[in-house]
Amino acid sequence: MAESRISTLGTLLKPKVVRVGLALFGLLAAYDTLSSQLELPTARRWWGMSGSLLPWWGWLLILQAIFVYALFEYVRRGGQAAARSERPADSEELKVLTQQVGEIAKVSKGIMETQTKVNETQGKRLSAVEKVVGELPSRERVSHDIGSFLGPELKEINDRFSKFERLFESQRERIDGRLSNIDLGFRAILNREWHQRLFRELGEDFETLAQPIDDGQGLPDAKVWQQAAKRWRGKLDQWLVIADYYAVGTAEAVLSQPEHLYDGEWTFDESVLTANQVHRYKELAIWWHNARESKARVDRCLEQTAFLSPSMKGRLDSPPNSQLWEDV
């Protein structure tokens, strides 16, 4: 037991670093302890210290650190020795593994050789197929042979189809034109009714606007009269949309202000109105006069379009949509 402990201690002290560390530790500790008694230069003076270099427990900690390092070295050396003792078994396993890898390499080589043979066989077959395909006639040659064989028949069919296409297009244009003319006639009938209604309302509203002025009463409530005049002008614009479509130039003729009419003799008393009111009333009166002068022409154009347009060539622009004025 004692021998094993001594051998263990010898193993711990075997590393050169441990032996050197213990030697330095012994020398420094002994010198620091005995230097003051032997009247030698103390180690603490080297660093300008007033006491000892280290207390007694400091030297014990250094000794402990040396032994701990020795223990780590002992454990590491023991692990390496155990690894060296197991190397024969590892070598056997490595030998078996090497044999298995060799067998796998042989199998892989066989697979690669088989794959190479398969690729060669496929290449030969593809070459044969390409050769057969190359001997087939080209698409241009086939098309040329078919065209040569069926050329006259195909040309006759194409001519007949073109003739039928032209006939169909002409009939379609004729039918579309007739339907357009019929639609234009029905739309003219509807606009004729709206034209008559709007013109009648314009006359009634103008009489309402002109009554207080013609009676010499003036305009007690000028703001209300101005608003009514604005609504009358809006209704006149709606009537002009219909009138100018069927009788072109009506809008320009109605909205014109000839000087002989504006500066002519008027029967109302201008003294009861302001200058602005006089101008506004004359403007409305001239427009209404022009509208009455143009109505007969508009009536004739509307009747002609309504009852004769189905047999005539239609216009390119669309007629007014009277449905927009249903709430007027």
C-alpha atoms as a PDB file:
ATOM      1  CA  MET A   1       0.000   0.000   0.000  1.00  0.00           C
ATOM      2  CA  ALA A   2       2.812   2.390   0.944  1.00  0.00           C
ATOM      3  CA  GLU A   3       4.698   1.514  -2.232  1.00  0.00           C
ATOM      4  CA  SER A   4       1.643   2.227  -4.359  1.00  0.00           C
ATOM      5  CA  ARG A   5       1.235   5.597  -2.672  1.00  0.00           C
ATOM      6  CA  ILE A   6       4.915   6.408  -3.175  1.00  0.00           C
ATOM      7  CA  SER A   7       4.667   5.346  -6.840  1.00  0.00           C
ATOM      8  CA  THR A   8       1.571   7.481  -7.277  1.00  0.00           C
ATOM      9  CA  LEU A   9       3.385  10.447  -5.710  1.00  0.00           C
ATOM     10  CA  GLY A  10       6.334   9.802  -8.000  1.00  0.00           C
ATOM     11  CA  THR A  11       3.988   9.760 -10.991  1.00  0.00           C
ATOM     12  CA  LEU A  12       2.451  13.053  -9.848  1.00  0.00           C
ATOM     13  CA  LEU A  13       5.930  14.618  -9.550  1.00  0.00           C
ATOM     14  CA  LYS A  14       7.123  13.160 -12.835  1.00  0.00           C
ATOM     15  CA  PRO A  15       6.297  16.185 -15.050  1.00  0.00           C
ATOM     16  CA  LYS A  16       9.229  18.584 -15.261  1.00  0.00           C
ATOM     17  CA  VAL A  17       6.973  21.601 -14.721  1.00  0.00           C
ATOM     18  CA  VAL A  18       5.765  20.173 -11.384  1.00  0.00           C
ATOM     19  CA  ARG A  19       9.289  19.467 -10.194  1.00  0.00           C
ATOM     20  CA  VAL A  20      10.563  22.899 -11.165  1.00  0.00           C
ATOM     21  CA  GLY A  21       7.542  24.548  -9.558  1.00  0.00           C
ATOM     22  CA  LEU A  22       8.065  22.673  -6.262  1.00  0.00           C
ATOM     23  CA  ALA A  23      11.762  23.605  -6.262  1.00  0.00           C
ATOM     24  CA  LEU A  24      11.051  27.292  -6.834  1.00  0.00           C
ATOM     25  CA  PHE A  25       8.298  27.191  -4.235  1.00  0.00           C
ATOM     26  CA  GLY A  26      10.648  25.662  -1.623  1.00  0.00           C
ATOM     27  CA  LEU A  27      13.449  28.118  -2.302  1.00  0.00           C
ATOM     28  CA  LEU A  28      11.267  31.241  -2.270  1.00  0.00           C
ATOM     29  CA  ALA A  29       9.297  30.174   0.797  1.00  0.00           C
ATOM     30  CA  ALA A  30      12.474  29.243   2.733  1.00  0.00           C
ATOM     31  CA  TYR A  31      14.293  32.427   1.738  1.00  0.00           C
ATOM     32  CA  ASP A  32      11.294  34.632   2.585  1.00  0.00           C
ATOM     33  CA  THR A  33      10.995  32.957   5.973  1.00  0.00           C
ATOM     34  CA  LEU A  34      14.709  32.769   6.985  1.00  0.00           C
ATOM     35  CA  SER A  35      16.094  35.926   5.364  1.00  0.00           C
ATOM     36  CA  SER A  36      15.154  38.153   8.261  1.00  0.00           C
ATOM     37  CA  GLN A  37      16.700  35.792  10.804  1.00  0.00           C
ATOM     38  CA  LEU A  38      19.944  35.391   8.851  1.00  0.00           C
ATOM     39  CA  GLU A  39      20.168  39.153   8.222  1.00  0.00           C
ATOM     40  CA  LEU A  40      19.958  38.691   4.492  1.00  0.00           C
ATOM     41  CA  PRO A  41      18.186  41.088   2.089  1.00  0.00           C
ATOM     42  CA  THR A  42      14.550  40.228   2.451  1.00  0.00           C
ATOM     43  CA  ALA A  43      12.479  39.444  -0.655  1.00  0.00           C
ATOM     44  CA  ARG A  44       9.799  41.980   0.306  1.00  0.00           C
ATOM     45  CA  ARG A  45      12.340  44.842  -0.129  1.00  0.00           C
ATOM     46  CA  TRP A  46      12.666  43.950  -3.826  1.00  0.00           C
ATOM     47  CA  TRP A  47       9.076  45.111  -4.347  1.00  0.00           C
ATOM     48  CA  GLY A  48       9.093  47.869  -1.721  1.00  0.00           C
ATOM     49  CA  MET A  49       6.856  45.941   0.727  1.00  0.00           C
ATOM     50  CA  SER A  50       6.955  46.468   4.481  1.00  0.00           C
ATOM     51  CA  GLY A  51       5.789  42.993   5.530  1.00  0.00           C
ATOM     52  CA  SER A  52       6.439  39.484   4.284  1.00  0.00           C
ATOM     53  CA  LEU A  53       6.293  38.692   0.583  1.00  0.00           C
ATOM     54  CA  LEU A  54       3.314  36.410   1.156  1.00  0.00           C
ATOM     55  CA  PRO A  55       1.488  35.282   4.285  1.00  0.00           C
ATOM     56  CA  TRP A  56       1.761  31.636   5.256  1.00  0.00           C
ATOM     57  CA  TRP A  57      -1.623  30.760   3.723  1.00  0.00           C
ATOM     58  CA  GLY A  58      -0.533  32.361   0.419  1.00  0.00           C
ATOM     59  CA  TRP A  59       2.353  29.920   0.139  1.00  0.00           C
ATOM     60  CA  LEU A  60      -0.052  27.070   0.929  1.00  0.00           C
ATOM     61  CA  LEU A  61      -2.316  28.194  -1.942  1.00  0.00           C
ATOM     62  CA  ILE A  62       0.638  28.167  -4.349  1.00  0.00           C
ATOM     63  CA  LEU A  63       1.558  24.655  -3.155  1.00  0.00           C
ATOM     64  CA  GLN A  64      -2.054  23.560  -3.659  1.00  0.00           C
ATOM     65  CA  ALA A  65      -2.103  24.977  -7.216  1.00  0.00           C
ATOM     66  CA  ILE A  66       1.074  23.003  -8.037  1.00  0.00           C
ATOM     67  CA  PHE A  67      -0.513  19.766  -6.808  1.00  0.00           C
ATOM     68  CA  VAL A  68      -3.732  20.447  -8.721  1.00  0.00           C
ATOM     69  CA  TYR A  69      -1.740  20.904 -11.940  1.00  0.00           C
ATOM     70  CA  ALA A  70       0.113  17.673 -11.148  1.00  0.00           C
ATOM     71  CA  LEU A  71      -3.213  15.844 -10.713  1.00  0.00           C
ATOM     72  CA  PHE A  72      -4.460  17.137 -14.109  1.00  0.00           C
ATOM     73  CA  GLU A  73      -1.278  15.901 -15.753  1.00  0.00           C
ATOM     74  CA  TYR A  74      -1.690  12.540 -14.041  1.00  0.00           C
ATOM     75  CA  VAL A  75      -5.250  12.135 -15.294  1.00  0.00           C
ATOM     76  CA  ARG A  76      -4.264  13.175 -18.851  1.00  0.00           C
ATOM     77  CA  ARG A  77      -1.363  10.724 -18.954  1.00  0.00           C
ATOM     78  CA  GLY A  78      -3.581   7.978 -17.618  1.00  0.00           C
ATOM     79  CA  GLY A  79      -6.163   8.588 -20.405  1.00  0.00           C
ATOM     80  CA  GLN A  80      -3.468   8.423 -23.086  1.00  0.00           C
ATOM     81  CA  ALA A  81      -2.149   5.181 -21.637  1.00  0.00           C
ATOM     82  CA  ALA A  82      -5.685   3.693 -21.680  1.00  0.00           C
ATOM     83  CA  ALA A  83      -6.103   4.783 -25.290  1.00  0.00           C
ATOM     84  CA  ARG A  84      -2.822   3.109 -26.244  1.00  0.00           C
ATOM     85  CA  SER A  85      -3.959  -0.091 -24.533  1.00  0.00           C
ATOM     86  CA  GLU A  86      -7.169  -0.132 -26.635  1.00  0.00           C
ATOM     87  CA  ARG A  87      -5.447   0.453 -29.972  1.00  0.00           C
ATOM     88  CA  PRO A  88      -5.244  -3.252 -30.932  1.00  0.00           C
ATOM     89  CA  ALA A  89      -9.042  -3.602 -30.751  1.00  0.00           C
ATOM     90  CA  ASP A  90      -9.471  -0.380 -32.707  1.00  0.00           C
ATOM     91  CA  SER A  91      -7.059  -1.682 -35.299  1.00  0.00           C
ATOM     92  CA  GLU A  92      -9.136  -4.839 -35.737  1.00  0.00           C
ATOM     93  CA  GLU A  93     -12.306  -2.828 -36.186  1.00  0.00           C
ATOM     94  CA  LEU A  94     -10.481  -0.551 -38.661  1.00  0.00           C
ATOM     95  CA  LYS A  95      -9.360  -3.614 -40.610  1.00  0.00           C
ATOM     96  CA  VAL A  96     -12.917  -4.955 -40.823  1.00  0.00           C
ATOM     97  CA  LEU A  97     -14.193  -1.532 -41.834  1.00  0.00           C
ATOM     98  CA  THR A  98     -11.517  -1.286 -44.537  1.00  0.00           C
ATOM     99  CA  GLN A  99     -12.625  -4.647 -45.948  1.00  0.00           C
ATOM    100  CA  GLN A 100     -16.243  -3.508 -46.021  1.00  0.00           C
ATOM    101  CA  VAL A 101     -15.278  -0.291 -47.774  1.00  0.00           C
ATOM    102  CA  GLY A 102     -13.362  -2.347 -50.370  1.00  0.00           C
ATOM    103  CA  GLU A 103     -16.423  -4.500 -51.005  1.00  0.00           C
ATOM    104  CA  ILE A 104     -18.586  -1.425 -51.382  1.00  0.00           C
ATOM    105  CA  ALA A 105     -16.066   0.026 -53.830  1.00  0.00           C
ATOM    106  CA  LYS A 106     -16.239  -3.186 -55.898  1.00  0.00           C
ATOM    107  CA  VAL A 107     -20.042  -3.049 -55.966  1.00  0.00           C
ATOM    108  CA  SER A 108     -19.958   0.638 -56.964  1.00  0.00           C
ATOM    109  CA  LYS A 109     -17.533  -0.155 -59.755  1.00  0.00           C
ATOM    110  CA  GLY A 110     -19.854  -2.865 -61.043  1.00  0.00           C
ATOM    111  CA  ILE A 111     -22.803  -0.483 -60.981  1.00  0.00           C
ATOM    112  CA  MET A 112     -20.821   2.137 -62.900  1.00  0.00           C
ATOM    113  CA  GLU A 113     -19.805  -0.428 -65.507  1.00  0.00           C
ATOM    114  CA  THR A 114     -23.416  -1.520 -65.899  1.00  0.00           C
ATOM    115  CA  GLN A 115     -24.546   2.071 -66.262  1.00  0.00           C
ATOM    116  CA  THR A 116     -21.904   2.674 -68.907  1.00  0.00           C
ATOM    117  CA  LYS A 117     -23.132  -0.336 -70.901  1.00  0.00           C
ATOM    118  CA  VAL A 118     -26.741   0.880 -70.596  1.00  0.00           C
ATOM    119  CA  ASN A 119     -25.741   4.358 -71.832  1.00  0.00           C
ATOM    120  CA  GLU A 120     -23.919   2.852 -74.771  1.00  0.00           C
ATOM    121  CA  THR A 121     -26.957   0.748 -75.663  1.00  0.00           C
ATOM    122  CA  GLN A 122     -29.284   3.755 -75.431  1.00  0.00           C
ATOM    123  CA  GLY A 123     -26.887   5.809 -77.540  1.00  0.00           C
ATOM    124  CA  LYS A 124     -26.947   3.150 -80.260  1.00  0.00           C
ATOM    125  CA  ARG A 125     -30.748   3.044 -80.195  1.00  0.00           C
ATOM    126  CA  LEU A 126     -31.004   6.854 -80.368  1.00  0.00           C
ATOM    127  CA  SER A 127     -28.620   6.896 -83.307  1.00  0.00           C
ATOM    128  CA  ALA A 128     -30.791   4.361 -85.089  1.00  0.00           C
ATOM    129  CA  VAL A 129     -33.930   6.408 -84.400  1.00  0.00           C
ATOM    130  CA  GLU A 130     -32.257   9.604 -85.621  1.00  0.00           C
ATOM    131  CA  LYS A 131     -31.201   7.824 -88.753  1.00  0.00           C
ATOM    132  CA  VAL A 132     -34.759   6.688 -89.431  1.00  0.00           C
ATOM    133  CA  VAL A 133     -36.121  10.158 -88.709  1.00  0.00           C
ATOM    134  CA  GLY A 134     -33.527  11.720 -90.981  1.00  0.00           C
ATOM    135  CA  GLU A 135     -34.671   9.500 -93.833  1.00  0.00           C
ATOM    136  CA  LEU A 136     -38.286  10.736 -93.448  1.00  0.00           C
ATOM    137  CA  PRO A 137     -39.415  13.566 -95.792  1.00  0.00           C
ATOM    138  CA  SER A 138     -39.265  17.091 -94.364  1.00  0.00           C
ATOM    139  CA  ARG A 139     -42.303  19.139 -93.473  1.00  0.00           C
ATOM    140  CA  GLU A 140     -41.682  21.467 -96.411  1.00  0.00           C
ATOM    141  CA  ARG A 141     -41.562  18.500 -98.768  1.00  0.00           C
ATOM    142  CA  VAL A 142     -44.779  17.051 -97.366  1.00  0.00           C
ATOM    143  CA  SER A 143     -46.489  20.446 -97.621  1.00  0.00           C
ATOM    144  CA  HIS A 144     -45.272  20.825-101.193  1.00  0.00           C
ATOM    145  CA  ASP A 145     -46.554  17.350-102.150  1.00  0.00           C
ATOM    146  CA  ILE A 146     -49.945  18.005-100.546  1.00  0.00           C
ATOM    147  CA  GLY A 147     -50.147  21.410-102.252  1.00  0.00           C
ATOM    148  CA  SER A 148     -49.280  19.859-105.596  1.00  0.00           C
ATOM    149  CA  PHE A 149     -51.921  17.180-105.148  1.00  0.00           C
ATOM    150  CA  LEU A 150     -54.704  19.372-103.717  1.00  0.00           C
ATOM    151  CA  GLY A 151     -53.655  22.770-105.119  1.00  0.00           C
ATOM    152  CA  PRO A 152     -56.536  23.329-107.583  1.00  0.00           C
ATOM    153  CA  GLU A 153     -59.178  22.125-105.126  1.00  0.00           C
ATOM    154  CA  LEU A 154     -57.798  24.288-102.319  1.00  0.00           C
ATOM    155  CA  LYS A 155     -57.643  27.359-104.568  1.00  0.00           C
ATOM    156  CA  GLU A 156     -61.264  26.866-105.605  1.00  0.00           C
ATOM    157  CA  ILE A 157     -62.338  26.478-101.975  1.00  0.00           C
ATOM    158  CA  ASN A 158     -60.411  29.616-100.987  1.00  0.00           C
ATOM    159  CA  ASP A 159     -62.006  31.623-103.820  1.00  0.00           C
ATOM    160  CA  ARG A 160     -65.470  30.501-102.834  1.00  0.00           C
ATOM    161  CA  PHE A 161     -64.817  31.332 -99.215  1.00  0.00           C
ATOM    162  CA  SER A 162     -63.538  34.831-100.103  1.00  0.00           C
ATOM    163  CA  LYS A 163     -66.607  35.433-102.263  1.00  0.00           C
ATOM    164  CA  PHE A 164     -68.902  34.306 -99.462  1.00  0.00           C
ATOM    165  CA  GLU A 165     -67.009  36.507 -96.996  1.00  0.00           C
ATOM    166  CA  ARG A 166     -67.455  39.593 -99.215  1.00  0.00           C
ATOM    167  CA  LEU A 167     -71.144  38.823 -99.687  1.00  0.00           C
ATOM    168  CA  PHE A 168     -71.623  38.372 -95.948  1.00  0.00           C
ATOM    169  CA  GLU A 169     -69.835  41.646 -95.172  1.00  0.00           C
ATOM    170  CA  SER A 170     -71.957  43.582 -97.673  1.00  0.00           C
ATOM    171  CA  GLN A 171     -75.174  42.092 -96.293  1.00  0.00           C
ATOM    172  CA  ARG A 172     -74.077  42.805 -92.743  1.00  0.00           C
ATOM    173  CA  GLU A 173     -73.391  46.443 -93.560  1.00  0.00           C
ATOM    174  CA  ARG A 174     -76.745  46.704 -95.319  1.00  0.00           C
ATOM    175  CA  ILE A 175     -78.619  45.169 -92.386  1.00  0.00           C
ATOM    176  CA  ASP A 176     -76.726  47.266 -89.840  1.00  0.00           C
ATOM    177  CA  GLY A 177     -77.522  50.409 -91.810  1.00  0.00           C
ATOM    178  CA  ARG A 178     -81.207  49.530 -92.053  1.00  0.00           C
ATOM    179  CA  LEU A 179     -81.406  48.753 -88.329  1.00  0.00           C
ATOM    180  CA  SER A 180     -79.589  51.996 -87.556  1.00  0.00           C
ATOM    181  CA  ASN A 181     -82.071  53.937 -89.690  1.00  0.00           C
ATOM    182  CA  ILE A 182     -85.022  52.253 -87.980  1.00  0.00           C
ATOM    183  CA  ASP A 183     -83.566  53.075 -84.561  1.00  0.00           C
ATOM    184  CA  LEU A 184     -82.995  56.658 -85.720  1.00  0.00           C
ATOM    185  CA  GLY A 185     -86.638  56.913 -86.775  1.00  0.00           C
ATOM    186  CA  PHE A 186     -87.989  55.639 -83.462  1.00  0.00           C
ATOM    187  CA  ARG A 187     -85.650  57.946 -81.566  1.00  0.00           C
ATOM    188  CA  ALA A 188     -86.857  60.884 -83.691  1.00  0.00           C
ATOM    189  CA  ILE A 189     -90.485  60.060 -82.847  1.00  0.00           C
ATOM    190  CA  LEU A 190     -89.645  60.107 -79.144  1.00  0.00           C
ATOM    191  CA  ASN A 191     -87.645  63.351 -79.456  1.00  0.00           C
ATOM    192  CA  ARG A 192     -90.510  64.917 -81.437  1.00  0.00           C
ATOM    193  CA  GLU A 193     -92.784  64.395 -78.469  1.00  0.00           C
ATOM    194  CA  TRP A 194     -90.236  65.884 -76.099  1.00  0.00           C
ATOM    195  CA  HIS A 195     -89.678  68.766 -78.463  1.00  0.00           C
ATOM    196  CA  GLN A 196     -93.382  69.634 -78.435  1.00  0.00           C
ATOM    197  CA  ARG A 197     -93.611  69.301 -74.656  1.00  0.00           C
ATOM    198  CA  LEU A 198     -90.520  71.424 -73.943  1.00  0.00           C
ATOM    199  CA  PHE A 199     -91.650  74.130 -76.381  1.00  0.00           C
ATOM    200  CA  ARG A 200     -95.090  74.294 -74.801  1.00  0.00           C
ATOM    201  CA  GLU A 201     -93.586  74.599 -71.302  1.00  0.00           C
ATOM    202  CA  LEU A 202     -91.197  77.290 -72.530  1.00  0.00           C
ATOM    203  CA  GLY A 203     -94.166  79.362 -73.757  1.00  0.00           C
ATOM    204  CA  GLU A 204     -96.090  78.970 -70.504  1.00  0.00           C
ATOM    205  CA  ASP A 205     -93.061  79.826 -68.361  1.00  0.00           C
ATOM    206  CA  PHE A 206     -92.211  82.876 -70.482  1.00  0.00           C
ATOM    207  CA  GLU A 207     -95.735  84.238 -70.114  1.00  0.00           C
ATOM    208  CA  THR A 208     -95.356  83.878 -66.348  1.00  0.00           C
ATOM    209  CA  LEU A 209     -92.043  85.757 -66.448  1.00  0.00           C
ATOM    210  CA  ALA A 210     -93.350  88.522 -68.739  1.00  0.00           C
ATOM    211  CA  GLN A 211     -96.736  89.152 -67.044  1.00  0.00           C
ATOM    212  CA  PRO A 212     -95.617  91.460 -64.190  1.00  0.00           C
ATOM    213  CA  ILE A 213     -93.390  93.437 -66.590  1.00  0.00           C
ATOM    214  CA  ASP A 214     -96.028  93.781 -69.316  1.00  0.00           C
ATOM    215  CA  ASP A 215     -98.578  94.904 -66.689  1.00  0.00           C
ATOM    216  CA  GLY A 216     -96.203  97.647 -65.513  1.00  0.00           C
ATOM    217  CA  GLN A 217     -96.008  96.220 -61.976  1.00  0.00           C
ATOM    218  CA  GLY A 218     -92.231  95.772 -62.043  1.00  0.00           C
ATOM    219  CA  LEU A 219     -90.595  92.990 -60.075  1.00  0.00           C
ATOM    220  CA  PRO A 220     -91.620  93.032 -56.383  1.00  0.00           C
ATOM    221  CA  ASP A 221     -89.425  89.991 -55.710  1.00  0.00           C
ATOM    222  CA  ALA A 222     -86.512  90.321 -58.134  1.00  0.00           C
ATOM    223  CA  LYS A 223     -84.583  87.352 -56.668  1.00  0.00           C
ATOM    224  CA  VAL A 224     -87.433  84.915 -57.321  1.00  0.00           C
ATOM    225  CA  TRP A 225     -87.821  86.269 -60.861  1.00  0.00           C
ATOM    226  CA  GLN A 226     -84.094  85.843 -61.554  1.00  0.00           C
ATOM    227  CA  GLN A 227     -84.203  82.221 -60.386  1.00  0.00           C
ATOM    228  CA  ALA A 228     -87.228  81.530 -62.613  1.00  0.00           C
ATOM    229  CA  ALA A 229     -85.424  83.130 -65.558  1.00  0.00           C
ATOM    230  CA  LYS A 230     -82.392  80.905 -64.944  1.00  0.00           C
ATOM    231  CA  ARG A 231     -84.589  77.783 -64.956  1.00  0.00           C
ATOM    232  CA  TRP A 232     -86.240  78.961 -68.200  1.00  0.00           C
ATOM    233  CA  ARG A 233     -82.830  79.347 -69.847  1.00  0.00           C
ATOM    234  CA  GLY A 234     -81.900  75.805 -68.771  1.00  0.00           C
ATOM    235  CA  LYS A 235     -85.063  74.407 -70.317  1.00  0.00           C
ATOM    236  CA  LEU A 236     -84.327  76.381 -73.505  1.00  0.00           C
ATOM    237  CA  ASP A 237     -80.889  74.743 -73.701  1.00  0.00           C
ATOM    238  CA  GLN A 238     -82.523  71.311 -73.443  1.00  0.00           C
ATOM    239  CA  TRP A 239     -84.893  72.144 -76.294  1.00  0.00           C
ATOM    240  CA  LEU A 240     -81.994  73.432 -78.393  1.00  0.00           C
ATOM    241  CA  VAL A 241     -80.173  70.093 -78.048  1.00  0.00           C
ATOM    242  CA  ILE A 242     -83.024  68.357 -79.870  1.00  0.00           C
ATOM    243  CA  ALA A 243     -83.695  71.191 -82.309  1.00  0.00           C
ATOM    244  CA  ASP A 244     -80.062  71.681 -83.362  1.00  0.00           C
ATOM    245  CA  TYR A 245     -79.526  67.924 -83.951  1.00  0.00           C
ATOM    246  CA  TYR A 246     -82.385  67.615 -86.419  1.00  0.00           C
ATOM    247  CA  ALA A 247     -82.268  71.196 -87.783  1.00  0.00           C
ATOM    248  CA  VAL A 248     -78.583  72.151 -87.790  1.00  0.00           C
ATOM    249  CA  GLY A 249     -77.943  75.808 -86.997  1.00  0.00           C
ATOM    250  CA  THR A 250     -81.017  76.281 -84.804  1.00  0.00           C
ATOM    251  CA  ALA A 251     -79.008  76.948 -81.638  1.00  0.00           C
ATOM    252  CA  GLU A 252     -76.969  79.679 -83.305  1.00  0.00           C
ATOM    253  CA  ALA A 253     -80.081  81.298 -84.767  1.00  0.00           C
ATOM    254  CA  VAL A 254     -82.050  81.253 -81.491  1.00  0.00           C
ATOM    255  CA  LEU A 255     -79.240  82.545 -79.245  1.00  0.00           C
ATOM    256  CA  SER A 256     -78.319  85.414 -81.548  1.00  0.00           C
ATOM    257  CA  GLN A 257     -79.105  88.995 -80.387  1.00  0.00           C
ATOM    258  CA  PRO A 258     -79.848  91.182 -83.451  1.00  0.00           C
ATOM    259  CA  GLU A 259     -79.422  94.885 -82.716  1.00  0.00           C
ATOM    260  CA  HIS A 260     -82.646  95.844 -84.498  1.00  0.00           C
ATOM    261  CA  LEU A 261     -84.565  93.658 -82.060  1.00  0.00           C
ATOM    262  CA  TYR A 262     -82.658  94.660 -78.931  1.00  0.00           C
ATOM    263  CA  ASP A 263     -82.830  98.435 -79.741  1.00  0.00           C
ATOM    264  CA  GLY A 264     -86.327  98.309 -81.250  1.00  0.00           C
ATOM    265  CA  GLU A 265     -89.536  99.615 -79.753  1.00  0.00           C
ATOM    266  CA  TRP A 266     -90.673  97.770 -76.634  1.00  0.00           C
ATOM    267  CA  THR A 267     -94.126  98.160 -75.087  1.00  0.00           C
ATOM    268  CA  PHE A 268     -93.162  97.595 -71.416  1.00  0.00           C
ATOM    269  CA  ASP A 269     -92.334 100.375 -68.961  1.00  0.00           C
ATOM    270  CA  GLU A 270     -88.566 100.340 -68.413  1.00  0.00           C
ATOM    271  CA  SER A 271     -88.779 102.896 -65.583  1.00  0.00           C
ATOM    272  CA  VAL A 272     -90.065 100.273 -63.105  1.00  0.00           C
ATOM    273  CA  LEU A 273     -87.003  98.032 -63.694  1.00  0.00           C
ATOM    274  CA  THR A 274     -83.294  98.315 -63.108  1.00  0.00           C
ATOM    275  CA  ALA A 275     -80.902  98.383 -66.057  1.00  0.00           C
ATOM    276  CA  ASN A 276     -79.851  94.803 -65.386  1.00  0.00           C
ATOM    277  CA  GLN A 277     -83.475  93.626 -65.231  1.00  0.00           C
ATOM    278  CA  VAL A 278     -84.277  95.435 -68.509  1.00  0.00           C
ATOM    279  CA  HIS A 279     -81.315  93.728 -70.208  1.00  0.00           C
ATOM    280  CA  ARG A 280     -82.271  90.337 -68.824  1.00  0.00           C
ATOM    281  CA  TYR A 281     -85.905  90.615 -69.915  1.00  0.00           C
ATOM    282  CA  LYS A 282     -84.993  91.745 -73.446  1.00  0.00           C
ATOM    283  CA  GLU A 283     -82.538  88.863 -73.722  1.00  0.00           C
ATOM    284  CA  LEU A 284     -85.183  86.297 -72.761  1.00  0.00           C
ATOM    285  CA  ALA A 285     -87.793  87.885 -75.019  1.00  0.00           C
ATOM    286  CA  ILE A 286     -85.475  87.864 -78.062  1.00  0.00           C
ATOM    287  CA  TRP A 287     -84.567  84.212 -77.464  1.00  0.00           C
ATOM    288  CA  TRP A 288     -88.216  83.261 -77.230  1.00  0.00           C
ATOM    289  CA  HIS A 289     -88.981  85.219 -80.382  1.00  0.00           C
ATOM    290  CA  ASN A 290     -86.189  83.426 -82.265  1.00  0.00           C
ATOM    291  CA  ALA A 291     -87.327  80.035 -80.957  1.00  0.00           C
ATOM    292  CA  ARG A 292     -90.864  80.598 -82.253  1.00  0.00           C
ATOM    293  CA  GLU A 293     -89.456  81.624 -85.624  1.00  0.00           C
ATOM    294  CA  SER A 294     -87.354  78.410 -85.800  1.00  0.00           C
ATOM    295  CA  LYS A 295     -89.989  75.940 -84.578  1.00  0.00           C
ATOM    296  CA  ALA A 296     -91.610  75.318 -87.970  1.00  0.00           C
ATOM    297  CA  ARG A 297     -88.276  74.267 -89.499  1.00  0.00           C
ATOM    298  CA  VAL A 298     -87.485  72.027 -86.530  1.00  0.00           C
ATOM    299  CA  ASP A 299     -90.931  70.363 -86.847  1.00  0.00           C
ATOM    300  CA  ARG A 300     -90.373  69.573 -90.512  1.00  0.00           C
ATOM    301  CA  CYS A 301     -86.915  68.103 -89.898  1.00  0.00           C
ATOM    302  CA  LEU A 302     -88.161  65.966 -87.018  1.00  0.00           C
ATOM    303  CA  GLU A 303     -91.104  64.602 -89.028  1.00  0.00           C
ATOM    304  CA  GLN A 304     -88.872  63.812 -91.981  1.00  0.00           C
ATOM    305  CA  THR A 305     -86.393  61.925 -89.779  1.00  0.00           C
ATOM    306  CA  ALA A 306     -89.116  60.103 -87.844  1.00  0.00           C
ATOM    307  CA  PHE A 307     -91.093  58.834 -90.829  1.00  0.00           C
ATOM    308  CA  LEU A 308     -88.588  58.725 -93.697  1.00  0.00           C
ATOM    309  CA  SER A 309     -85.268  57.769 -92.045  1.00  0.00           C
ATOM    310  CA  PRO A 310     -85.804  53.947 -92.194  1.00  0.00           C
ATOM    311  CA  SER A 311     -85.378  54.157 -95.984  1.00  0.00           C
ATOM    312  CA  MET A 312     -82.478  56.630 -95.830  1.00  0.00           C
ATOM    313  CA  LYS A 313     -78.817  56.400 -94.922  1.00  0.00           C
ATOM    314  CA  GLY A 314     -78.380  57.078 -91.211  1.00  0.00           C
ATOM    315  CA  ARG A 315     -76.129  59.650 -89.531  1.00  0.00           C
ATOM    316  CA  LEU A 316     -72.891  58.760 -87.849  1.00  0.00           C
ATOM    317  CA  ASP A 317     -73.607  60.663 -84.614  1.00  0.00           C
ATOM    318  CA  SER A 318     -76.215  59.492 -82.132  1.00  0.00           C
ATOM    319  CA  PRO A 319     -79.466  61.430 -81.601  1.00  0.00           C
ATOM    320  CA  PRO A 320     -80.211  63.117 -78.239  1.00  0.00           C
ATOM    321  CA  ASN A 321     -81.365  60.863 -75.421  1.00  0.00           C
ATOM    322  CA  SER A 322     -84.718  62.261 -74.314  1.00  0.00           C
ATOM    323  CA  GLN A 323     -84.784  60.012 -71.248  1.00  0.00           C
ATOM    324  CA  LEU A 324     -82.404  62.471 -69.575  1.00  0.00           C
ATOM    325  CA  TRP A 325     -85.263  65.012 -69.389  1.00  0.00           C
ATOM    326  CA  GLU A 326     -88.042  62.859 -67.972  1.00  0.00           C
ATOM    327  CA  ASP A 327     -87.905  64.760 -64.701  1.00  0.00           C
ATOM    328  CA  VAL A 328     -88.045  68.213 -66.316  1.00  0.00           C
END
